[in-house]
Amino acid sequence: MHAPANKLPARSRFAATTVWLRDLALGKHPLVLWLVNTGVLLLLAGWIVWDARFSSTWDHLELQMGWSEDGSNLDEFANSLAARWKIFVLAFMLIVGTVSLTMLALGMTLGSRGHRTLASWMVVLSLACCWLGLINGWDELIWTGKRLRIDSKVAAFEPLAESLNQDWPQIDGQRDYLGPFMAYPAGQAKTLILLTTPPMAESGPTFSSIERSDAGGIRFQLSGKERGVWLEWHPPGNEPESFVGGLLEPHHLSRMVSLGDGWFLARYDQAAMAS
């Protein structure tokens, strides 16, 4: 006859309790952990690509968690209730992704037989590689998202670029499609600083200033959700390059991509980040 559970030796009871706790924490098969970790990974990747405010959400999370002490580039994004929820959701997703991947890694050595199969090892290693790829390709995903979003808005900028190319203002003034602006330097203006939000911002990206290149190109410094990049039109044979603006600020080209028909999306180092 088998001894009752409460009559088992202490060592056997401890082993049985350990197995029970292991199965409770890790489960007998890692399928649920696979699905949870994969779901968080895909949702986070999609969020990075499609949300224009993701960079701001991440910057605010870093500041609140103490991972960064520099808040000089933060905008007012986190003041809204919706933004605070996004920061909370991002933190929750990172915690779930980290915990589930850690549990999968532990399961490969401490888990039940279902965790230690060859298929389980391959899945866990694949997920780990995908997370490393997401971390290393973070900036690339953000750039891809900006390109996809802004590419769909280029048509709204075309008549504005054509009008400015034909009649570029040389002094301070006001135009219906721009509102009031200041021109620098006066008399030989290369830069237009907008004093109000342009009317077209109601249906598309907004911008804070416009630069004219020596070759006749028109550069729009995007602001708001798409801050940090420039949408540019250049005549045939020309493309974005480093330049010194009308306010004598150097802009060093760091990357660009063609959007077709003379339009480019560009990013510059040391560029003013309008909010």
Protein backbone atom coordinates (compact mmCIF):
# COMPACT_ATOMS: atom_id res chain seq x y z
CA MET A 1 0.00 0.00 0.00
CA HIS A 2 1.09 3.58 -0.73
CA ALA A 3 1.71 5.83 2.19
CA PRO A 4 -0.71 8.79 2.54
CA ALA A 5 0.63 12.11 1.23
CA ASN A 6 1.01 13.43 4.77
CA LYS A 7 2.99 10.29 5.68
CA LEU A 8 5.60 10.79 2.91
CA PRO A 9 9.13 11.59 3.99
CA ALA A 10 9.95 15.28 4.27
CA ARG A 11 12.28 15.13 1.27
CA SER A 12 9.58 13.56 -0.90
CA ARG A 13 7.01 16.12 0.22
CA PHE A 14 9.43 18.93 -0.63
CA ALA A 15 10.09 17.45 -4.08
CA ALA A 16 6.38 17.04 -4.74
CA THR A 17 5.72 20.61 -3.64
CA THR A 18 8.52 21.88 -5.89
CA VAL A 19 7.09 20.07 -8.90
CA TRP A 20 3.59 21.39 -8.11
CA LEU A 21 4.85 24.99 -7.84
CA ARG A 22 6.87 24.61 -11.04
CA ASP A 23 3.87 23.32 -12.97
CA LEU A 24 1.70 26.05 -11.49
CA ALA A 25 4.13 28.82 -12.50
CA LEU A 26 5.32 27.49 -15.84
CA GLY A 27 2.57 25.11 -16.83
CA LYS A 28 3.12 21.67 -18.27
CA HIS A 29 3.36 23.09 -21.80
CA PRO A 30 4.69 26.54 -22.85
CA LEU A 31 2.00 27.21 -25.48
CA VAL A 32 0.30 29.94 -23.44
CA LEU A 33 3.63 31.67 -22.77
CA TRP A 34 4.51 31.43 -26.46
CA LEU A 35 1.24 33.11 -27.44
CA VAL A 36 1.52 35.82 -24.77
CA ASN A 37 5.11 36.71 -25.66
CA THR A 38 4.49 36.63 -29.41
CA GLY A 39 1.36 38.78 -29.04
CA VAL A 40 3.18 41.43 -27.00
CA LEU A 41 6.06 41.45 -29.47
CA LEU A 42 3.80 41.96 -32.50
CA LEU A 43 1.65 44.58 -30.79
CA LEU A 44 4.71 46.55 -29.72
CA ALA A 45 6.24 46.42 -33.21
CA GLY A 46 2.96 47.60 -34.75
CA TRP A 47 2.66 50.38 -32.18
CA ILE A 48 6.16 51.64 -32.98
CA VAL A 49 5.39 51.80 -36.70
CA TRP A 50 1.92 53.34 -36.67
CA ASP A 51 1.87 55.67 -33.65
CA ALA A 52 3.46 59.04 -34.40
CA ARG A 53 3.66 59.67 -30.66
CA PHE A 54 5.49 56.48 -29.75
CA SER A 55 8.87 58.20 -29.38
CA SER A 56 7.34 60.72 -26.98
CA THR A 57 5.65 57.93 -25.02
CA TRP A 58 8.97 56.11 -24.67
CA ASP A 59 10.88 59.28 -23.70
CA HIS A 60 8.37 60.05 -20.94
CA LEU A 61 8.48 56.45 -19.69
CA GLU A 62 12.28 56.59 -19.51
CA LEU A 63 12.10 59.79 -17.48
CA GLN A 64 9.46 58.48 -15.08
CA MET A 65 11.32 55.20 -14.52
CA GLY A 66 14.58 57.04 -13.85
CA TRP A 67 16.32 55.53 -16.89
CA SER A 68 16.99 59.03 -18.22
CA GLU A 69 17.59 62.31 -16.41
CA ASP A 70 17.47 64.56 -19.48
CA GLY A 71 13.97 65.88 -20.05
CA SER A 72 14.99 68.88 -22.15
CA ASN A 73 13.58 67.45 -25.39
CA LEU A 74 10.25 66.34 -23.94
CA ASP A 75 7.11 68.02 -25.23
CA GLU A 76 3.78 68.56 -23.46
CA PHE A 77 2.48 65.24 -24.74
CA ALA A 78 2.24 63.55 -21.32
CA ASN A 79 -0.12 66.14 -19.85
CA SER A 80 -3.24 64.53 -21.31
CA LEU A 81 -5.05 61.60 -19.70
CA ALA A 82 -4.87 59.53 -22.89
CA ALA A 83 -1.10 60.02 -23.05
CA ARG A 84 -0.65 58.88 -19.46
CA TRP A 85 -2.63 55.74 -20.24
CA LYS A 86 -0.35 55.07 -23.20
CA ILE A 87 2.70 55.37 -20.97
CA PHE A 88 1.12 52.93 -18.49
CA VAL A 89 0.20 50.46 -21.25
CA LEU A 90 3.73 50.59 -22.69
CA ALA A 91 5.24 49.86 -19.27
CA PHE A 92 2.79 46.96 -18.78
CA MET A 93 3.64 45.47 -22.19
CA LEU A 94 7.36 45.63 -21.46
CA ILE A 95 6.85 43.91 -18.11
CA VAL A 96 4.68 41.16 -19.61
CA GLY A 97 7.14 40.62 -22.47
CA THR A 98 10.14 40.45 -20.13
CA VAL A 99 8.47 38.17 -17.56
CA SER A 100 7.05 35.76 -20.14
CA LEU A 101 10.39 35.47 -21.98
CA THR A 102 12.20 34.91 -18.66
CA MET A 103 9.73 32.18 -17.72
CA LEU A 104 10.27 30.50 -21.08
CA ALA A 105 14.03 30.61 -20.58
CA LEU A 106 13.69 29.10 -17.10
CA GLY A 107 11.34 26.46 -18.43
CA MET A 108 14.01 25.17 -20.80
CA THR A 109 16.13 24.12 -17.83
CA LEU A 110 13.74 23.82 -14.87
CA GLY A 111 10.38 23.18 -16.53
CA SER A 112 8.48 20.01 -17.28
CA ARG A 113 9.14 17.85 -20.32
CA GLY A 114 6.92 20.04 -22.51
CA HIS A 115 9.26 23.00 -21.92
CA ARG A 116 12.40 21.04 -22.75
CA THR A 117 11.55 19.69 -26.19
CA LEU A 118 13.53 20.65 -29.27
CA ALA A 119 10.51 22.58 -30.62
CA SER A 120 10.33 24.61 -27.41
CA TRP A 121 14.02 25.47 -27.60
CA MET A 122 13.63 26.64 -31.20
CA VAL A 123 10.59 28.78 -30.38
CA VAL A 124 12.22 30.42 -27.37
CA LEU A 125 15.45 31.13 -29.26
CA SER A 126 13.41 32.59 -32.14
CA LEU A 127 11.48 34.84 -29.78
CA ALA A 128 14.69 35.99 -28.11
CA CYS A 129 16.17 36.84 -31.52
CA CYS A 130 13.03 38.74 -32.48
CA TRP A 131 13.20 40.80 -29.27
CA LEU A 132 16.87 41.58 -29.92
CA GLY A 133 15.97 42.55 -33.47
CA LEU A 134 13.20 44.83 -32.19
CA ILE A 135 15.58 46.52 -29.75
CA ASN A 136 18.32 46.97 -32.36
CA GLY A 137 15.88 48.02 -35.09
CA TRP A 138 13.85 50.38 -32.90
CA ASP A 139 14.94 53.51 -34.75
CA GLU A 140 14.42 51.87 -38.13
CA LEU A 141 10.82 50.99 -37.27
CA ILE A 142 10.15 54.56 -36.12
CA TRP A 143 11.64 55.89 -39.37
CA THR A 144 9.58 53.44 -41.43
CA GLY A 145 6.43 54.54 -39.64
CA LYS A 146 7.15 58.22 -40.32
CA ARG A 147 7.78 57.48 -43.98
CA LEU A 148 4.51 55.57 -44.36
CA ARG A 149 2.44 58.22 -42.59
CA ILE A 150 3.98 61.26 -44.26
CA ASP A 151 4.04 59.69 -47.72
CA SER A 152 0.23 59.65 -47.63
CA LYS A 153 0.16 63.41 -46.88
CA VAL A 154 2.51 64.65 -49.60
CA ALA A 155 -0.33 65.64 -51.93
CA ALA A 156 -1.48 68.28 -49.42
CA PHE A 157 1.95 69.97 -49.59
CA GLU A 158 2.28 70.03 -53.37
CA PRO A 159 0.25 73.21 -54.10
CA LEU A 160 1.94 74.96 -51.18
CA ALA A 161 5.43 74.07 -52.46
CA GLU A 162 4.50 75.14 -56.00
CA SER A 163 3.18 78.50 -54.79
CA LEU A 164 6.27 79.20 -52.68
CA ASN A 165 8.57 78.15 -55.51
CA GLN A 166 6.92 80.68 -57.84
CA ASP A 167 6.60 83.49 -55.29
CA TRP A 168 8.98 83.18 -52.33
CA PRO A 169 8.49 86.06 -49.85
CA GLN A 170 11.50 88.22 -48.96
CA ILE A 171 10.04 90.11 -45.99
CA ASP A 172 7.68 89.49 -43.07
CA GLY A 173 4.09 89.06 -44.12
CA GLN A 174 0.98 86.91 -44.14
CA ARG A 175 -0.57 84.50 -46.60
CA ASP A 176 -3.84 82.65 -46.47
CA TYR A 177 -2.28 79.19 -46.56
CA LEU A 178 0.50 80.05 -44.06
CA GLY A 179 -0.87 82.70 -41.75
CA PRO A 180 1.53 85.38 -40.42
CA PHE A 181 5.26 84.67 -40.66
CA MET A 182 8.67 86.26 -40.21
CA ALA A 183 11.29 86.06 -42.96
CA TYR A 184 15.04 85.75 -42.26
CA PRO A 185 17.32 87.35 -43.22
CA ALA A 186 15.25 90.35 -44.28
CA GLY A 187 15.55 91.20 -47.95
CA GLN A 188 17.21 87.90 -48.86
CA ALA A 189 15.04 85.52 -46.91
CA LYS A 190 15.88 81.83 -46.77
CA THR A 191 13.74 80.96 -43.74
CA LEU A 192 10.08 81.56 -42.94
CA ILE A 193 9.13 81.22 -39.26
CA LEU A 194 5.39 80.68 -38.82
CA LEU A 195 3.75 82.63 -36.01
CA THR A 196 0.56 80.53 -35.91
CA THR A 197 -0.40 76.98 -36.83
CA PRO A 198 -0.99 76.79 -40.61
CA PRO A 199 -4.58 76.07 -41.71
CA MET A 200 -3.63 72.80 -43.42
CA ALA A 201 -2.63 71.34 -40.01
CA GLU A 202 -6.32 70.56 -39.42
CA SER A 203 -6.17 67.72 -41.96
CA GLY A 204 -2.48 66.78 -42.07
CA PRO A 205 0.96 67.23 -40.53
CA THR A 206 1.81 70.67 -39.22
CA PHE A 207 5.08 72.51 -39.68
CA SER A 208 6.82 75.33 -37.86
CA SER A 209 9.21 76.76 -40.46
CA ILE A 210 10.09 76.61 -44.14
CA GLU A 211 13.55 76.77 -45.69
CA ARG A 212 14.45 77.52 -49.29
CA SER A 213 17.61 75.96 -50.72
CA ASP A 214 19.98 77.75 -53.09
CA ALA A 215 18.81 75.44 -55.88
CA GLY A 216 15.15 76.32 -55.29
CA GLY A 217 14.15 73.42 -53.05
CA ILE A 218 11.46 73.89 -50.40
CA ARG A 219 11.98 72.34 -46.96
CA PHE A 220 9.14 72.01 -44.43
CA GLN A 221 10.22 71.44 -40.83
CA LEU A 222 7.49 69.21 -39.46
CA SER A 223 6.32 69.69 -35.89
CA GLY A 224 3.68 68.31 -33.55
CA LYS A 225 3.32 64.54 -33.82
CA GLU A 226 5.90 64.27 -36.60
CA ARG A 227 8.51 66.53 -35.04
CA GLY A 228 12.15 65.83 -35.79
CA VAL A 229 11.94 65.33 -39.57
CA TRP A 230 11.66 67.49 -42.69
CA LEU A 231 9.46 67.05 -45.75
CA GLU A 232 11.26 68.49 -48.76
CA TRP A 233 10.66 69.14 -52.43
CA HIS A 234 13.70 69.55 -54.69
CA PRO A 235 14.00 70.31 -58.42
CA PRO A 236 15.09 67.45 -60.72
CA GLY A 237 18.70 66.47 -60.13
CA ASN A 238 18.75 67.78 -56.57
CA GLU A 239 18.14 66.09 -53.24
CA PRO A 240 18.47 66.88 -49.52
CA GLU A 241 21.92 67.82 -48.23
CA SER A 242 23.44 69.47 -45.18
CA PHE A 243 22.76 73.20 -45.03
CA VAL A 244 22.94 76.34 -42.91
CA GLY A 245 19.52 77.91 -42.45
CA GLY A 246 18.48 81.55 -42.53
CA LEU A 247 18.99 81.72 -38.74
CA LEU A 248 22.59 80.49 -39.20
CA GLU A 249 21.80 77.11 -37.65
CA PRO A 250 23.79 74.20 -39.15
CA HIS A 251 21.75 71.17 -40.19
CA HIS A 252 23.77 68.01 -40.87
CA LEU A 253 21.93 65.43 -42.96
CA SER A 254 21.75 62.08 -41.13
CA ARG A 255 19.36 60.14 -43.38
CA MET A 256 16.82 60.60 -46.13
CA VAL A 257 14.43 58.63 -48.32
CA SER A 258 12.80 59.53 -51.62
CA LEU A 259 8.99 59.68 -51.70
CA GLY A 260 8.83 60.19 -55.46
CA ASP A 261 8.19 63.18 -57.76
CA GLY A 262 10.99 65.23 -56.18
CA TRP A 263 9.76 64.76 -52.60
CA PHE A 264 12.00 63.51 -49.81
CA LEU A 265 11.76 62.79 -46.11
CA ALA A 266 14.93 63.88 -44.31
CA ARG A 267 16.35 63.97 -40.83
CA TYR A 268 19.13 66.28 -39.67
CA ASP A 269 21.37 66.30 -36.62
CA GLN A 270 21.40 69.49 -34.55
CA ALA A 271 18.12 70.59 -36.14
CA ALA A 272 15.74 72.65 -34.04
CA MET A 273 13.01 70.42 -32.65
CA ALA A 274 9.78 72.40 -32.88
CA SER A 275 6.98 71.32 -30.58
